[in-house]
Amino acid sequence: MAIFDYIIPIALAAVALVLVAGLLNMWRAGSAEQASRSQMLMRWRVILQFVAILIIIAAFWFQGFRP
């Protein structure tokens, strides 16, 4: 399906952006507020990775690839 040609790169880019934002925030972390923001960003990264994996699995499924 052509929709996955757009959704998969968007999902992967979202993961990468949140990862970079979390890492940058960790490097400048000095206060407890910034540390908690880093933790929140890393949690979002894990959630987005899970969503990206589900999208990739769905793409394989709809293309008829079944092991």
C-alpha atoms as a PDB file:
ATOM      1  CA  MET A   1       0.000   0.000   0.000  1.00  0.00           C
ATOM      2  CA  ALA A   2       1.296   3.414  -0.954  1.00  0.00           C
ATOM      3  CA  ILE A   3       0.258   4.982   2.355  1.00  0.00           C
ATOM      4  CA  PHE A   4       3.062   3.119   4.114  1.00  0.00           C
ATOM      5  CA  ASP A   5       5.587   4.793   1.805  1.00  0.00           C
ATOM      6  CA  TYR A   6       4.751   8.009   3.648  1.00  0.00           C
ATOM      7  CA  ILE A   7       3.881   6.812   7.141  1.00  0.00           C
ATOM      8  CA  ILE A   8       7.029   4.754   7.789  1.00  0.00           C
ATOM      9  CA  PRO A   9       9.532   7.585   7.117  1.00  0.00           C
ATOM     10  CA  ILE A  10       7.406   9.985   9.184  1.00  0.00           C
ATOM     11  CA  ALA A  11       7.356   7.552  12.113  1.00  0.00           C
ATOM     12  CA  LEU A  12      11.124   6.983  11.881  1.00  0.00           C
ATOM     13  CA  ALA A  13      11.791  10.723  11.651  1.00  0.00           C
ATOM     14  CA  ALA A  14       9.639  11.306  14.733  1.00  0.00           C
ATOM     15  CA  VAL A  15      11.687   8.746  16.666  1.00  0.00           C
ATOM     16  CA  ALA A  16      14.937  10.359  15.522  1.00  0.00           C
ATOM     17  CA  LEU A  17      13.781  13.883  16.400  1.00  0.00           C
ATOM     18  CA  VAL A  18      12.661  12.898  19.893  1.00  0.00           C
ATOM     19  CA  LEU A  19      15.916  10.995  20.421  1.00  0.00           C
ATOM     20  CA  VAL A  20      18.022  14.015  19.412  1.00  0.00           C
ATOM     21  CA  ALA A  21      15.905  16.360  21.532  1.00  0.00           C
ATOM     22  CA  GLY A  22      16.301  14.055  24.535  1.00  0.00           C
ATOM     23  CA  LEU A  23      20.050  13.745  24.078  1.00  0.00           C
ATOM     24  CA  LEU A  24      20.521  17.496  23.688  1.00  0.00           C
ATOM     25  CA  ASN A  25      18.443  18.100  26.789  1.00  0.00           C
ATOM     26  CA  MET A  26      20.501  15.555  28.738  1.00  0.00           C
ATOM     27  CA  TRP A  27      23.758  17.230  27.736  1.00  0.00           C
ATOM     28  CA  ARG A  28      22.625  20.591  29.029  1.00  0.00           C
ATOM     29  CA  ALA A  29      20.740  19.206  32.020  1.00  0.00           C
ATOM     30  CA  GLY A  30      21.598  21.138  35.116  1.00  0.00           C
ATOM     31  CA  SER A  31      18.334  21.380  36.972  1.00  0.00           C
ATOM     32  CA  ALA A  32      15.836  18.783  38.114  1.00  0.00           C
ATOM     33  CA  GLU A  33      13.308  20.189  35.637  1.00  0.00           C
ATOM     34  CA  GLN A  34      15.603  19.500  32.672  1.00  0.00           C
ATOM     35  CA  ALA A  35      16.345  16.003  33.969  1.00  0.00           C
ATOM     36  CA  SER A  36      12.642  15.253  34.195  1.00  0.00           C
ATOM     37  CA  ARG A  37      12.151  16.617  30.661  1.00  0.00           C
ATOM     38  CA  SER A  38      14.888  14.268  29.427  1.00  0.00           C
ATOM     39  CA  GLN A  39      13.114  11.335  31.049  1.00  0.00           C
ATOM     40  CA  MET A  40       9.826  12.357  29.439  1.00  0.00           C
ATOM     41  CA  LEU A  41      11.470  12.636  26.008  1.00  0.00           C
ATOM     42  CA  MET A  42      13.075   9.210  26.373  1.00  0.00           C
ATOM     43  CA  ARG A  43       9.699   7.717  27.330  1.00  0.00           C
ATOM     44  CA  TRP A  44       8.159   9.294  24.228  1.00  0.00           C
ATOM     45  CA  ARG A  45      11.014   7.824  22.175  1.00  0.00           C
ATOM     46  CA  VAL A  46      10.182   4.334  23.396  1.00  0.00           C
ATOM     47  CA  ILE A  47       6.489   4.838  22.636  1.00  0.00           C
ATOM     48  CA  LEU A  48       7.258   6.181  19.161  1.00  0.00           C
ATOM     49  CA  GLN A  49       9.622   3.273  18.479  1.00  0.00           C
ATOM     50  CA  PHE A  50       6.836   0.870  19.393  1.00  0.00           C
ATOM     51  CA  VAL A  51       4.419   2.662  17.070  1.00  0.00           C
ATOM     52  CA  ALA A  52       6.994   2.665  14.256  1.00  0.00           C
ATOM     53  CA  ILE A  53       7.524  -1.086  14.656  1.00  0.00           C
ATOM     54  CA  LEU A  54       3.769  -1.683  14.574  1.00  0.00           C
ATOM     55  CA  ILE A  55       3.501   0.372  11.380  1.00  0.00           C
ATOM     56  CA  ILE A  56       6.317  -1.605   9.742  1.00  0.00           C
ATOM     57  CA  ILE A  57       4.711  -4.904  10.764  1.00  0.00           C
ATOM     58  CA  ALA A  58       1.374  -3.688   9.362  1.00  0.00           C
ATOM     59  CA  ALA A  59       3.086  -2.759   6.088  1.00  0.00           C
ATOM     60  CA  PHE A  60       4.515  -6.279   5.790  1.00  0.00           C
ATOM     61  CA  TRP A  61       1.144  -7.780   6.685  1.00  0.00           C
ATOM     62  CA  PHE A  62      -0.808  -5.805   4.110  1.00  0.00           C
ATOM     63  CA  GLN A  63       1.758  -6.606   1.420  1.00  0.00           C
ATOM     64  CA  GLY A  64       1.132 -10.277   2.039  1.00  0.00           C
ATOM     65  CA  PHE A  65       4.508 -11.078   3.603  1.00  0.00           C
ATOM     66  CA  ARG A  66       3.917 -13.732   6.231  1.00  0.00           C
ATOM     67  CA  PRO A  67       6.736 -15.959   7.475  1.00  0.00           C
END
